[in-house]
Amino acid sequence: EEVDDQLAKFKDPWTTASFFAKVISQDFDALGFSIDWRREFTTADKEYNKFIEWQYQKFMEKGYIKQGNYPLLYCPK
């Protein structure tokens, strides 16, 4: 494939996440890390998001976090 065709695929966040997840696991294996890859997930997985939502709810119930207006630095471009 042409370089431009390959780069175009990375416009999709899921493709980008999947690509780098494979790269990271290969790098960790090459470094000799002993990781059980059977429980692999990404932040885009529904099960992961459900856990995060549950966790936020628990933190809010316990008063560990609160919703409010805070300054945020960002570039609109």
N, C-alpha and C. Protein backbone atom coordinates (compact mmCIF):
# COMPACT_ATOMS: atom_id res chain seq x y z
N GLU A 1 0.84 -1.19 0.00
CA GLU A 1 0.00 0.00 0.00
C GLU A 1 0.88 1.25 0.00
N GLU A 2 0.31 2.28 -0.50
CA GLU A 2 1.01 3.55 -0.50
C GLU A 2 1.00 4.13 0.91
N VAL A 3 1.97 4.95 1.18
CA VAL A 3 2.08 5.57 2.50
C VAL A 3 0.83 6.38 2.81
N ASP A 4 0.34 7.13 1.85
CA ASP A 4 -0.86 7.95 2.07
C ASP A 4 -2.07 7.10 2.43
N ASP A 5 -2.20 5.93 1.79
CA ASP A 5 -3.31 5.03 2.10
C ASP A 5 -3.21 4.52 3.54
N GLN A 6 -1.99 4.18 3.94
CA GLN A 6 -1.80 3.69 5.30
C GLN A 6 -2.07 4.80 6.32
N LEU A 7 -1.59 6.00 6.04
CA LEU A 7 -1.82 7.11 6.96
C LEU A 7 -3.29 7.45 7.08
N ALA A 8 -4.03 7.32 5.99
CA ALA A 8 -5.47 7.63 6.01
C ALA A 8 -6.21 6.73 7.00
N LYS A 9 -5.74 5.51 7.17
CA LYS A 9 -6.39 4.58 8.10
C LYS A 9 -6.33 5.09 9.53
N PHE A 10 -5.31 5.88 9.85
CA PHE A 10 -5.13 6.36 11.22
C PHE A 10 -6.05 7.52 11.58
N LYS A 11 -6.90 7.92 10.65
CA LYS A 11 -7.91 8.93 10.98
C LYS A 11 -8.98 8.33 11.88
N ASP A 12 -9.13 7.02 11.81
CA ASP A 12 -10.10 6.31 12.65
C ASP A 12 -9.44 6.00 14.00
N PRO A 13 -9.98 6.52 15.11
CA PRO A 13 -9.36 6.29 16.42
C PRO A 13 -9.22 4.81 16.78
N TRP A 14 -10.21 3.99 16.40
CA TRP A 14 -10.16 2.57 16.74
C TRP A 14 -8.98 1.89 16.04
N THR A 15 -8.74 2.24 14.78
CA THR A 15 -7.61 1.69 14.03
C THR A 15 -6.30 2.08 14.70
N THR A 16 -6.20 3.33 15.10
CA THR A 16 -4.98 3.82 15.76
C THR A 16 -4.76 3.08 17.07
N ALA A 17 -5.80 2.96 17.88
CA ALA A 17 -5.67 2.27 19.17
C ALA A 17 -5.29 0.81 18.98
N SER A 18 -5.91 0.14 18.03
CA SER A 18 -5.60 -1.28 17.77
C SER A 18 -4.16 -1.45 17.30
N PHE A 19 -3.73 -0.56 16.42
CA PHE A 19 -2.36 -0.64 15.90
C PHE A 19 -1.35 -0.52 17.04
N PHE A 20 -1.50 0.52 17.86
CA PHE A 20 -0.51 0.75 18.90
C PHE A 20 -0.62 -0.25 20.04
N ALA A 21 -1.80 -0.83 20.26
CA ALA A 21 -1.93 -1.89 21.27
C ALA A 21 -1.08 -3.09 20.87
N LYS A 22 -1.09 -3.43 19.59
CA LYS A 22 -0.25 -4.54 19.10
C LYS A 22 1.23 -4.21 19.23
N VAL A 23 1.59 -2.98 18.88
CA VAL A 23 3.00 -2.57 18.97
C VAL A 23 3.47 -2.63 20.42
N ILE A 24 2.66 -2.13 21.33
CA ILE A 24 3.04 -2.12 22.75
C ILE A 24 3.20 -3.55 23.27
N SER A 25 2.26 -4.44 22.92
CA SER A 25 2.38 -5.81 23.42
C SER A 25 3.61 -6.50 22.85
N GLN A 26 3.94 -6.24 21.58
CA GLN A 26 5.16 -6.80 20.99
C GLN A 26 6.41 -6.25 21.68
N ASP A 27 6.41 -4.96 21.97
CA ASP A 27 7.55 -4.35 22.66
C ASP A 27 7.72 -4.93 24.06
N PHE A 28 6.61 -5.08 24.79
CA PHE A 28 6.69 -5.64 26.13
C PHE A 28 7.20 -7.08 26.10
N ASP A 29 6.74 -7.86 25.13
CA ASP A 29 7.23 -9.23 24.98
C ASP A 29 8.73 -9.23 24.69
N ALA A 30 9.17 -8.33 23.82
CA ALA A 30 10.59 -8.25 23.46
C ALA A 30 11.45 -7.85 24.67
N LEU A 31 10.87 -7.05 25.56
CA LEU A 31 11.59 -6.65 26.77
C LEU A 31 11.57 -7.73 27.85
N GLY A 32 10.81 -8.79 27.61
CA GLY A 32 10.76 -9.89 28.56
C GLY A 32 9.73 -9.72 29.66
N PHE A 33 8.79 -8.80 29.49
CA PHE A 33 7.74 -8.62 30.48
C PHE A 33 6.84 -9.84 30.48
N SER A 34 6.45 -10.27 31.66
CA SER A 34 5.55 -11.41 31.78
C SER A 34 4.13 -10.88 32.02
N ILE A 35 3.36 -10.79 30.95
CA ILE A 35 2.03 -10.20 31.02
C ILE A 35 1.01 -11.21 30.51
N ASP A 36 -0.08 -11.33 31.24
CA ASP A 36 -1.18 -12.20 30.82
C ASP A 36 -2.07 -11.40 29.87
N TRP A 37 -1.91 -11.62 28.57
CA TRP A 37 -2.63 -10.85 27.56
C TRP A 37 -4.06 -11.33 27.36
N ARG A 38 -4.51 -12.35 28.11
CA ARG A 38 -5.88 -12.83 27.96
C ARG A 38 -6.90 -11.80 28.42
N ARG A 39 -6.48 -10.85 29.27
CA ARG A 39 -7.41 -9.85 29.79
C ARG A 39 -7.12 -8.47 29.21
N GLU A 40 -6.74 -8.44 27.97
CA GLU A 40 -6.39 -7.19 27.30
C GLU A 40 -7.65 -6.37 26.99
N PHE A 41 -7.55 -5.05 27.14
CA PHE A 41 -8.66 -4.17 26.81
C PHE A 41 -8.11 -2.81 26.39
N THR A 42 -8.97 -2.01 25.80
CA THR A 42 -8.63 -0.62 25.49
C THR A 42 -9.69 0.27 26.12
N THR A 43 -9.41 1.55 26.19
CA THR A 43 -10.36 2.48 26.78
C THR A 43 -11.60 2.66 25.91
N ALA A 44 -11.60 2.11 24.71
CA ALA A 44 -12.77 2.19 23.83
C ALA A 44 -13.72 1.01 24.03
N ASP A 45 -13.32 0.01 24.81
CA ASP A 45 -14.16 -1.16 25.04
C ASP A 45 -15.34 -0.80 25.95
N LYS A 46 -16.53 -1.30 25.61
CA LYS A 46 -17.74 -0.99 26.38
C LYS A 46 -17.61 -1.44 27.84
N GLU A 47 -17.03 -2.62 28.06
CA GLU A 47 -16.89 -3.12 29.42
C GLU A 47 -16.02 -2.19 30.26
N TYR A 48 -14.96 -1.66 29.66
CA TYR A 48 -14.08 -0.73 30.36
C TYR A 48 -14.84 0.55 30.69
N ASN A 49 -15.60 1.07 29.74
CA ASN A 49 -16.35 2.30 29.97
C ASN A 49 -17.38 2.12 31.07
N LYS A 50 -18.04 0.96 31.12
CA LYS A 50 -19.01 0.70 32.18
C LYS A 50 -18.32 0.71 33.54
N PHE A 51 -17.12 0.15 33.62
CA PHE A 51 -16.38 0.15 34.88
C PHE A 51 -16.04 1.58 35.30
N ILE A 52 -15.58 2.40 34.35
CA ILE A 52 -15.22 3.78 34.66
C ILE A 52 -16.44 4.57 35.13
N GLU A 53 -17.59 4.37 34.46
CA GLU A 53 -18.81 5.04 34.89
C GLU A 53 -19.18 4.64 36.31
N TRP A 54 -19.09 3.35 36.61
CA TRP A 54 -19.38 2.86 37.96
C TRP A 54 -18.42 3.49 38.97
N GLN A 55 -17.14 3.54 38.61
CA GLN A 55 -16.13 4.09 39.50
C GLN A 55 -16.39 5.58 39.77
N TYR A 56 -16.69 6.35 38.75
CA TYR A 56 -17.01 7.76 38.94
C TYR A 56 -18.21 7.93 39.86
N GLN A 57 -19.24 7.13 39.66
CA GLN A 57 -20.43 7.21 40.50
C GLN A 57 -20.08 6.96 41.96
N LYS A 58 -19.28 5.95 42.23
CA LYS A 58 -18.87 5.64 43.60
C LYS A 58 -18.05 6.78 44.20
N PHE A 59 -17.14 7.35 43.43
CA PHE A 59 -16.32 8.46 43.92
C PHE A 59 -17.19 9.68 44.23
N MET A 60 -18.20 9.93 43.38
CA MET A 60 -19.09 11.06 43.63
C MET A 60 -19.92 10.82 44.89
N GLU A 61 -20.42 9.60 45.06
CA GLU A 61 -21.21 9.26 46.25
C GLU A 61 -20.40 9.47 47.52
N LYS A 62 -19.11 9.17 47.47
CA LYS A 62 -18.26 9.29 48.66
C LYS A 62 -17.68 10.70 48.82
N GLY A 63 -17.98 11.58 47.86
CA GLY A 63 -17.50 12.96 47.96
C GLY A 63 -16.05 13.14 47.55
N TYR A 64 -15.47 12.16 46.88
CA TYR A 64 -14.07 12.25 46.46
C TYR A 64 -13.90 13.17 45.25
N ILE A 65 -14.96 13.30 44.44
CA ILE A 65 -14.91 14.19 43.28
C ILE A 65 -16.20 14.99 43.24
N LYS A 66 -16.15 16.14 42.60
CA LYS A 66 -17.36 16.94 42.46
C LYS A 66 -17.36 17.62 41.11
N GLN A 67 -18.55 17.87 40.61
CA GLN A 67 -18.71 18.53 39.33
C GLN A 67 -18.67 20.04 39.55
N GLY A 68 -18.00 20.74 38.65
CA GLY A 68 -17.93 22.19 38.77
C GLY A 68 -17.34 22.81 37.52
N ASN A 69 -17.15 24.11 37.57
CA ASN A 69 -16.54 24.85 36.47
C ASN A 69 -15.08 25.11 36.80
N TYR A 70 -14.20 24.71 35.92
CA TYR A 70 -12.77 24.85 36.14
C TYR A 70 -12.12 25.36 34.86
N PRO A 71 -11.02 26.12 34.99
CA PRO A 71 -10.33 26.58 33.77
C PRO A 71 -9.70 25.40 33.03
N LEU A 72 -9.73 25.46 31.72
CA LEU A 72 -9.18 24.39 30.90
C LEU A 72 -8.42 25.01 29.74
N LEU A 73 -7.17 24.64 29.59
CA LEU A 73 -6.36 25.13 28.48
C LEU A 73 -6.53 24.20 27.29
N TYR A 74 -6.83 24.76 26.14
CA TYR A 74 -6.97 23.95 24.92
C TYR A 74 -6.80 24.85 23.70
N CYS A 75 -6.55 24.24 22.59
CA CYS A 75 -6.43 24.96 21.33
C CYS A 75 -7.66 24.66 20.48
N PRO A 76 -8.43 25.66 20.08
CA PRO A 76 -9.64 25.41 19.30
C PRO A 76 -9.38 25.03 17.85
N LYS A 77 -8.14 25.05 17.42
CA LYS A 77 -7.83 24.74 16.01
C LYS A 77 -7.64 23.27 15.78
